[in-house]
PDB file of N, CA and C in Angstrom:
ATOM      1  N   MET A   1     -46.956 -17.341  -8.387  1.00  0.00           N
ATOM      2  CA  MET A   1     -45.891 -18.104  -7.769  1.00  0.00           C
ATOM      3  C   MET A   1     -44.675 -17.199  -7.673  1.00  0.00           C
ATOM      4  N   ASP A   2     -43.989 -17.254  -6.539  1.00  0.00           N
ATOM      5  CA  ASP A   2     -42.804 -16.413  -6.374  1.00  0.00           C
ATOM      6  C   ASP A   2     -41.590 -17.073  -7.039  1.00  0.00           C
ATOM      7  N   GLU A   3     -40.481 -16.355  -7.059  1.00  0.00           N
ATOM      8  CA  GLU A   3     -39.274 -16.826  -7.763  1.00  0.00           C
ATOM      9  C   GLU A   3     -38.748 -18.140  -7.208  1.00  0.00           C
ATOM     10  N   ASP A   4     -38.734 -18.281  -5.907  1.00  0.00           N
ATOM     11  CA  ASP A   4     -38.228 -19.526  -5.325  1.00  0.00           C
ATOM     12  C   ASP A   4     -39.071 -20.728  -5.746  1.00  0.00           C
ATOM     13  N   MET A   5     -40.406 -20.566  -5.671  1.00  0.00           N
ATOM     14  CA  MET A   5     -41.271 -21.676  -6.056  1.00  0.00           C
ATOM     15  C   MET A   5     -41.162 -21.940  -7.550  1.00  0.00           C
ATOM     16  N   ALA A   6     -41.048 -20.900  -8.359  1.00  0.00           N
ATOM     17  CA  ALA A   6     -40.887 -21.089  -9.806  1.00  0.00           C
ATOM     18  C   ALA A   6     -39.603 -21.873 -10.113  1.00  0.00           C
ATOM     19  N   ARG A   7     -38.546 -21.579  -9.374  1.00  0.00           N
ATOM     20  CA  ARG A   7     -37.289 -22.319  -9.583  1.00  0.00           C
ATOM     21  C   ARG A   7     -37.444 -23.792  -9.203  1.00  0.00           C
ATOM     22  N   ILE A   8     -38.132 -24.042  -8.094  1.00  0.00           N
ATOM     23  CA  ILE A   8     -38.378 -25.438  -7.676  1.00  0.00           C
ATOM     24  C   ILE A   8     -39.196 -26.167  -8.732  1.00  0.00           C
ATOM     25  N   VAL A   9     -40.243 -25.545  -9.215  1.00  0.00           N
ATOM     26  CA  VAL A   9     -41.112 -26.175 -10.217  1.00  0.00           C
ATOM     27  C   VAL A   9     -40.356 -26.410 -11.517  1.00  0.00           C
ATOM     28  N   ALA A  10     -39.620 -25.405 -11.997  1.00  0.00           N
ATOM     29  CA  ALA A  10     -38.882 -25.552 -13.248  1.00  0.00           C
ATOM     30  C   ALA A  10     -37.785 -26.602 -13.136  1.00  0.00           C
ATOM     31  N   THR A  11     -37.087 -26.608 -12.009  1.00  0.00           N
ATOM     32  CA  THR A  11     -36.039 -27.595 -11.814  1.00  0.00           C
ATOM     33  C   THR A  11     -36.595 -29.015 -11.790  1.00  0.00           C
ATOM     34  N   THR A  12     -37.675 -29.196 -11.055  1.00  0.00           N
ATOM     35  CA  THR A  12     -38.294 -30.525 -11.017  1.00  0.00           C
ATOM     36  C   THR A  12     -38.779 -30.956 -12.386  1.00  0.00           C
ATOM     37  N   GLY A  13     -39.395 -30.021 -13.107  1.00  0.00           N
ATOM     38  CA  GLY A  13     -39.852 -30.328 -14.472  1.00  0.00           C
ATOM     39  C   GLY A  13     -38.728 -30.733 -15.392  1.00  0.00           C
ATOM     40  N   THR A  14     -37.604 -30.061 -15.283  1.00  0.00           N
ATOM     41  CA  THR A  14     -36.483 -30.412 -16.163  1.00  0.00           C
ATOM     42  C   THR A  14     -35.847 -31.747 -15.782  1.00  0.00           C
ATOM     43  N   VAL A  15     -35.829 -32.059 -14.489  1.00  0.00           N
ATOM     44  CA  VAL A  15     -35.311 -33.362 -14.044  1.00  0.00           C
ATOM     45  C   VAL A  15     -36.199 -34.468 -14.585  1.00  0.00           C
ATOM     46  N   VAL A  16     -37.503 -34.313 -14.430  1.00  0.00           N
ATOM     47  CA  VAL A  16     -38.444 -35.299 -14.954  1.00  0.00           C
ATOM     48  C   VAL A  16     -38.293 -35.453 -16.457  1.00  0.00           C
ATOM     49  N   SER A  17     -38.172 -34.355 -17.146  1.00  0.00           N
ATOM     50  CA  SER A  17     -38.014 -34.377 -18.608  1.00  0.00           C
ATOM     51  C   SER A  17     -36.744 -35.116 -19.007  1.00  0.00           C
ATOM     52  N   ARG A  18     -35.658 -34.850 -18.287  1.00  0.00           N
ATOM     53  CA  ARG A  18     -34.398 -35.529 -18.608  1.00  0.00           C
ATOM     54  C   ARG A  18     -34.525 -37.038 -18.399  1.00  0.00           C
ATOM     55  N   GLN A  19     -35.151 -37.434 -17.298  1.00  0.00           N
ATOM     56  CA  GLN A  19     -35.319 -38.857 -17.033  1.00  0.00           C
ATOM     57  C   GLN A  19     -36.211 -39.527 -18.083  1.00  0.00           C
ATOM     58  N   LEU A  20     -37.280 -38.869 -18.452  1.00  0.00           N
ATOM     59  CA  LEU A  20     -38.166 -39.430 -19.475  1.00  0.00           C
ATOM     60  C   LEU A  20     -37.455 -39.498 -20.835  1.00  0.00           C
ATOM     61  N   THR A  21     -36.640 -38.518 -21.143  1.00  0.00           N
ATOM     62  CA  THR A  21     -35.896 -38.534 -22.390  1.00  0.00           C
ATOM     63  C   THR A  21     -34.908 -39.700 -22.407  1.00  0.00           C
ATOM     64  N   GLU A  22     -34.239 -39.939 -21.288  1.00  0.00           N
ATOM     65  CA  GLU A  22     -33.321 -41.074 -21.189  1.00  0.00           C
ATOM     66  C   GLU A  22     -34.083 -42.389 -21.357  1.00  0.00           C
ATOM     67  N   LEU A  23     -35.250 -42.496 -20.747  1.00  0.00           N
ATOM     68  CA  LEU A  23     -36.069 -43.693 -20.896  1.00  0.00           C
ATOM     69  C   LEU A  23     -36.495 -43.890 -22.359  1.00  0.00           C
ATOM     70  N   TYR A  24     -36.892 -42.808 -22.983  1.00  0.00           N
ATOM     71  CA  TYR A  24     -37.294 -42.876 -24.402  1.00  0.00           C
ATOM     72  C   TYR A  24     -36.142 -43.401 -25.243  1.00  0.00           C
ATOM     73  N   GLU A  25     -34.950 -42.867 -25.025  1.00  0.00           N
ATOM     74  CA  GLU A  25     -33.788 -43.266 -25.811  1.00  0.00           C
ATOM     75  C   GLU A  25     -33.424 -44.738 -25.544  1.00  0.00           C
ATOM     76  N   THR A  26     -33.527 -45.172 -24.301  1.00  0.00           N
ATOM     77  CA  THR A  26     -33.270 -46.568 -23.954  1.00  0.00           C
ATOM     78  C   THR A  26     -34.251 -47.492 -24.655  1.00  0.00           C
ATOM     79  N   LEU A  27     -35.530 -47.148 -24.594  1.00  0.00           N
ATOM     80  CA  LEU A  27     -36.543 -47.954 -25.268  1.00  0.00           C
ATOM     81  C   LEU A  27     -36.308 -47.971 -26.778  1.00  0.00           C
ATOM     82  N   ASN A  28     -35.975 -46.832 -27.322  1.00  0.00           N
ATOM     83  CA  ASN A  28     -35.725 -46.749 -28.767  1.00  0.00           C
ATOM     84  C   ASN A  28     -34.584 -47.663 -29.177  1.00  0.00           C
ATOM     85  N   GLN A  29     -33.560 -47.744 -28.338  1.00  0.00           N
ATOM     86  CA  GLN A  29     -32.404 -48.569 -28.656  1.00  0.00           C
ATOM     87  C   GLN A  29     -32.667 -50.060 -28.425  1.00  0.00           C
ATOM     88  N   HIS A  30     -33.334 -50.398 -27.326  1.00  0.00           N
ATOM     89  CA  HIS A  30     -33.478 -51.805 -26.942  1.00  0.00           C
ATOM     90  C   HIS A  30     -34.829 -52.422 -27.278  1.00  0.00           C
ATOM     91  N   LEU A  31     -35.856 -51.620 -27.418  1.00  0.00           N
ATOM     92  CA  LEU A  31     -37.178 -52.128 -27.749  1.00  0.00           C
ATOM     93  C   LEU A  31     -37.787 -51.263 -28.870  1.00  0.00           C
ATOM     94  N   PRO A  32     -37.174 -51.285 -30.049  1.00  0.00           N
ATOM     95  CA  PRO A  32     -37.612 -50.387 -31.108  1.00  0.00           C
ATOM     96  C   PRO A  32     -39.043 -50.615 -31.565  1.00  0.00           C
ATOM     97  N   ASP A  33     -39.611 -51.781 -31.290  1.00  0.00           N
ATOM     98  CA  ASP A  33     -40.989 -52.065 -31.707  1.00  0.00           C
ATOM     99  C   ASP A  33     -42.039 -51.481 -30.739  1.00  0.00           C
ATOM    100  N   GLU A  34     -41.618 -50.963 -29.609  1.00  0.00           N
ATOM    101  CA  GLU A  34     -42.540 -50.406 -28.615  1.00  0.00           C
ATOM    102  C   GLU A  34     -42.907 -48.955 -28.945  1.00  0.00           C
ATOM    103  N   MET A  35     -43.454 -48.758 -30.120  1.00  0.00           N
ATOM    104  CA  MET A  35     -43.790 -47.412 -30.569  1.00  0.00           C
ATOM    105  C   MET A  35     -44.844 -46.752 -29.690  1.00  0.00           C
ATOM    106  N   GLN A  36     -45.858 -47.512 -29.279  1.00  0.00           N
ATOM    107  CA  GLN A  36     -46.936 -46.952 -28.456  1.00  0.00           C
ATOM    108  C   GLN A  36     -46.388 -46.412 -27.133  1.00  0.00           C
ATOM    109  N   LEU A  37     -45.498 -47.149 -26.517  1.00  0.00           N
ATOM    110  CA  LEU A  37     -44.888 -46.704 -25.261  1.00  0.00           C
ATOM    111  C   LEU A  37     -44.069 -45.432 -25.478  1.00  0.00           C
ATOM    112  N   ARG A  38     -43.287 -45.396 -26.539  1.00  0.00           N
ATOM    113  CA  ARG A  38     -42.478 -44.207 -26.835  1.00  0.00           C
ATOM    114  C   ARG A  38     -43.389 -43.006 -27.132  1.00  0.00           C
ATOM    115  N   LEU A  39     -44.501 -43.219 -27.812  1.00  0.00           N
ATOM    116  CA  LEU A  39     -45.441 -42.126 -28.059  1.00  0.00           C
ATOM    117  C   LEU A  39     -46.035 -41.623 -26.749  1.00  0.00           C
ATOM    118  N   GLY A  40     -46.296 -42.530 -25.833  1.00  0.00           N
ATOM    119  CA  GLY A  40     -46.814 -42.129 -24.520  1.00  0.00           C
ATOM    120  C   GLY A  40     -45.795 -41.278 -23.775  1.00  0.00           C
ATOM    121  N   ILE A  41     -44.546 -41.651 -23.810  1.00  0.00           N
ATOM    122  CA  ILE A  41     -43.490 -40.881 -23.169  1.00  0.00           C
ATOM    123  C   ILE A  41     -43.371 -39.506 -23.824  1.00  0.00           C
ATOM    124  N   ALA A  42     -43.406 -39.475 -25.137  1.00  0.00           N
ATOM    125  CA  ALA A  42     -43.333 -38.188 -25.842  1.00  0.00           C
ATOM    126  C   ALA A  42     -44.508 -37.274 -25.461  1.00  0.00           C
ATOM    127  N   SER A  43     -45.664 -37.861 -25.312  1.00  0.00           N
ATOM    128  CA  SER A  43     -46.836 -37.089 -24.906  1.00  0.00           C
ATOM    129  C   SER A  43     -46.662 -36.507 -23.501  1.00  0.00           C
ATOM    130  N   VAL A  44     -46.158 -37.318 -22.593  1.00  0.00           N
ATOM    131  CA  VAL A  44     -45.927 -36.836 -21.231  1.00  0.00           C
ATOM    132  C   VAL A  44     -44.850 -35.741 -21.228  1.00  0.00           C
ATOM    133  N   LEU A  45     -43.819 -35.894 -22.017  1.00  0.00           N
ATOM    134  CA  LEU A  45     -42.784 -34.876 -22.111  1.00  0.00           C
ATOM    135  C   LEU A  45     -43.366 -33.536 -22.567  1.00  0.00           C
ATOM    136  N   ALA A  46     -44.244 -33.573 -23.537  1.00  0.00           N
ATOM    137  CA  ALA A  46     -44.875 -32.353 -24.019  1.00  0.00           C
ATOM    138  C   ALA A  46     -45.705 -31.712 -22.918  1.00  0.00           C
ATOM    139  N   GLU A  47     -46.430 -32.532 -22.176  1.00  0.00           N
ATOM    140  CA  GLU A  47     -47.261 -32.015 -21.085  1.00  0.00           C
ATOM    141  C   GLU A  47     -46.415 -31.415 -19.952  1.00  0.00           C
ATOM    142  N   VAL A  48     -45.311 -32.052 -19.626  1.00  0.00           N
ATOM    143  CA  VAL A  48     -44.413 -31.515 -18.591  1.00  0.00           C
ATOM    144  C   VAL A  48     -43.932 -30.126 -19.007  1.00  0.00           C
ATOM    145  N   GLY A  49     -43.550 -29.999 -20.259  1.00  0.00           N
ATOM    146  CA  GLY A  49     -43.097 -28.697 -20.739  1.00  0.00           C
ATOM    147  C   GLY A  49     -44.211 -27.663 -20.701  1.00  0.00           C
ATOM    148  N   LEU A  50     -45.347 -28.024 -21.205  1.00  0.00           N
ATOM    149  CA  LEU A  50     -46.468 -27.088 -21.310  1.00  0.00           C
ATOM    150  C   LEU A  50     -47.114 -26.758 -19.968  1.00  0.00           C
ATOM    151  N   CYS A  51     -47.294 -27.755 -19.131  1.00  0.00           N
ATOM    152  CA  CYS A  51     -48.067 -27.591 -17.905  1.00  0.00           C
ATOM    153  C   CYS A  51     -47.245 -27.353 -16.653  1.00  0.00           C
ATOM    154  N   ILE A  52     -45.962 -27.620 -16.699  1.00  0.00           N
ATOM    155  CA  ILE A  52     -45.123 -27.463 -15.506  1.00  0.00           C
ATOM    156  C   ILE A  52     -44.018 -26.435 -15.723  1.00  0.00           C
ATOM    157  N   ILE A  53     -43.199 -26.655 -16.751  1.00  0.00           N
ATOM    158  CA  ILE A  53     -42.039 -25.770 -16.950  1.00  0.00           C
ATOM    159  C   ILE A  53     -42.470 -24.390 -17.448  1.00  0.00           C
ATOM    160  N   GLU A  54     -43.324 -24.338 -18.434  1.00  0.00           N
ATOM    161  CA  GLU A  54     -43.737 -23.037 -18.974  1.00  0.00           C
ATOM    162  C   GLU A  54     -44.396 -22.139 -17.942  1.00  0.00           C
ATOM    163  N   PRO A  55     -45.313 -22.637 -17.106  1.00  0.00           N
ATOM    164  CA  PRO A  55     -45.875 -21.748 -16.084  1.00  0.00           C
ATOM    165  C   PRO A  55     -44.821 -21.184 -15.128  1.00  0.00           C
ATOM    166  N   ALA A  56     -43.812 -21.977 -14.814  1.00  0.00           N
ATOM    167  CA  ALA A  56     -42.740 -21.479 -13.963  1.00  0.00           C
ATOM    168  C   ALA A  56     -41.955 -20.367 -14.663  1.00  0.00           C
ATOM    169  N   PHE A  57     -41.690 -20.563 -15.959  1.00  0.00           N
ATOM    170  CA  PHE A  57     -40.968 -19.532 -16.713  1.00  0.00           C
ATOM    171  C   PHE A  57     -41.822 -18.270 -16.884  1.00  0.00           C
ATOM    172  N   LYS A  58     -43.120 -18.422 -17.001  1.00  0.00           N
ATOM    173  CA  LYS A  58     -44.003 -17.248 -17.115  1.00  0.00           C
ATOM    174  C   LYS A  58     -44.037 -16.489 -15.790  1.00  0.00           C
ATOM    175  N   ALA A  59     -44.011 -17.222 -14.700  1.00  0.00           N
ATOM    176  CA  ALA A  59     -44.031 -16.573 -13.398  1.00  0.00           C
ATOM    177  C   ALA A  59     -42.736 -15.832 -13.096  1.00  0.00           C
ATOM    178  N   CYS A  60     -41.657 -16.333 -13.639  1.00  0.00           N
ATOM    179  CA  CYS A  60     -40.337 -15.718 -13.412  1.00  0.00           C
ATOM    180  C   CYS A  60     -39.536 -15.820 -14.712  1.00  0.00           C
ATOM    181  N   PRO A  61     -39.733 -14.867 -15.632  1.00  0.00           N
ATOM    182  CA  PRO A  61     -39.099 -14.939 -16.959  1.00  0.00           C
ATOM    183  C   PRO A  61     -37.564 -15.061 -16.938  1.00  0.00           C
ATOM    184  N   ALA A  62     -36.927 -14.547 -15.919  1.00  0.00           N
ATOM    185  CA  ALA A  62     -35.464 -14.630 -15.846  1.00  0.00           C
ATOM    186  C   ALA A  62     -35.001 -16.086 -15.740  1.00  0.00           C
ATOM    187  N   LEU A  63     -35.871 -16.964 -15.225  1.00  0.00           N
ATOM    188  CA  LEU A  63     -35.496 -18.382 -15.119  1.00  0.00           C
ATOM    189  C   LEU A  63     -35.239 -19.016 -16.472  1.00  0.00           C
ATOM    190  N   ARG A  64     -36.046 -18.632 -17.479  1.00  0.00           N
ATOM    191  CA  ARG A  64     -35.864 -19.202 -18.798  1.00  0.00           C
ATOM    192  C   ARG A  64     -34.436 -18.936 -19.281  1.00  0.00           C
ATOM    193  N   THR A  65     -33.985 -17.700 -19.150  1.00  0.00           N
ATOM    194  CA  THR A  65     -32.640 -17.334 -19.570  1.00  0.00           C
ATOM    195  C   THR A  65     -31.606 -18.098 -18.756  1.00  0.00           C
ATOM    196  N   GLU A  66     -31.806 -18.188 -17.464  1.00  0.00           N
ATOM    197  CA  GLU A  66     -30.884 -18.936 -16.600  1.00  0.00           C
ATOM    198  C   GLU A  66     -30.804 -20.398 -17.036  1.00  0.00           C
ATOM    199  N   PHE A  67     -31.937 -21.030 -17.252  1.00  0.00           N
ATOM    200  CA  PHE A  67     -31.949 -22.432 -17.636  1.00  0.00           C
ATOM    201  C   PHE A  67     -31.342 -22.639 -19.035  1.00  0.00           C
ATOM    202  N   GLU A  68     -31.652 -21.753 -19.974  1.00  0.00           N
ATOM    203  CA  GLU A  68     -31.099 -21.878 -21.329  1.00  0.00           C
ATOM    204  C   GLU A  68     -29.590 -21.692 -21.312  1.00  0.00           C
ATOM    205  N   ARG A  69     -29.095 -20.762 -20.506  1.00  0.00           N
ATOM    206  CA  ARG A  69     -27.639 -20.532 -20.401  1.00  0.00           C
ATOM    207  C   ARG A  69     -26.959 -21.777 -19.834  1.00  0.00           C
ATOM    208  N   ARG A  70     -27.542 -22.356 -18.804  1.00  0.00           N
ATOM    209  CA  ARG A  70     -26.996 -23.549 -18.196  1.00  0.00           C
ATOM    210  C   ARG A  70     -27.026 -24.729 -19.170  1.00  0.00           C
ATOM    211  N   LEU A  71     -28.105 -24.851 -19.915  1.00  0.00           N
ATOM    212  CA  LEU A  71     -28.236 -25.923 -20.903  1.00  0.00           C
ATOM    213  C   LEU A  71     -27.171 -25.793 -21.976  1.00  0.00           C
ATOM    214  N   GLU A  72     -26.954 -24.576 -22.423  1.00  0.00           N
ATOM    215  CA  GLU A  72     -25.931 -24.337 -23.462  1.00  0.00           C
ATOM    216  C   GLU A  72     -24.526 -24.629 -22.920  1.00  0.00           C
ATOM    217  N   LYS A  73     -24.260 -24.217 -21.704  1.00  0.00           N
ATOM    218  CA  LYS A  73     -22.917 -24.359 -21.148  1.00  0.00           C
ATOM    219  C   LYS A  73     -22.622 -25.808 -20.697  1.00  0.00           C
ATOM    220  N   TYR A  74     -23.612 -26.461 -20.054  1.00  0.00           N
ATOM    221  CA  TYR A  74     -23.363 -27.756 -19.462  1.00  0.00           C
ATOM    222  C   TYR A  74     -24.104 -28.927 -20.128  1.00  0.00           C
ATOM    223  N   GLY A  75     -25.001 -28.590 -21.032  1.00  0.00           N
ATOM    224  CA  GLY A  75     -25.774 -29.643 -21.679  1.00  0.00           C
ATOM    225  C   GLY A  75     -26.946 -30.125 -20.852  1.00  0.00           C
ATOM    226  N   ARG A  76     -27.232 -29.430 -19.784  1.00  0.00           N
ATOM    227  CA  ARG A  76     -28.390 -29.745 -18.934  1.00  0.00           C
ATOM    228  C   ARG A  76     -28.784 -28.492 -18.159  1.00  0.00           C
ATOM    229  N   ALA A  77     -30.062 -28.379 -17.892  1.00  0.00           N
ATOM    230  CA  ALA A  77     -30.581 -27.187 -17.223  1.00  0.00           C
ATOM    231  C   ALA A  77     -30.606 -27.329 -15.715  1.00  0.00           C
ATOM    232  N   SER A  78     -30.642 -28.553 -15.233  1.00  0.00           N
ATOM    233  CA  SER A  78     -30.657 -28.770 -13.790  1.00  0.00           C
ATOM    234  C   SER A  78     -29.952 -30.071 -13.453  1.00  0.00           C
TER     235      SER A  78
END
């Protein structure tokens, strides 16, 4: 995958991760007994990182640094 495609993949993966994290936190706050649902979300989050974001970072290692710098500075990678 070229750099442009890696950036698209990594950006999409981080957006999905952020949305799932927000959903997890909302469920945790409002439906604390829904442990199975939260576990499912956590599982999907792990898969997004492993199967979507990591391959993009491997294809273009400079993206990892770019995303980490943005995360540190703004609290979000995309």
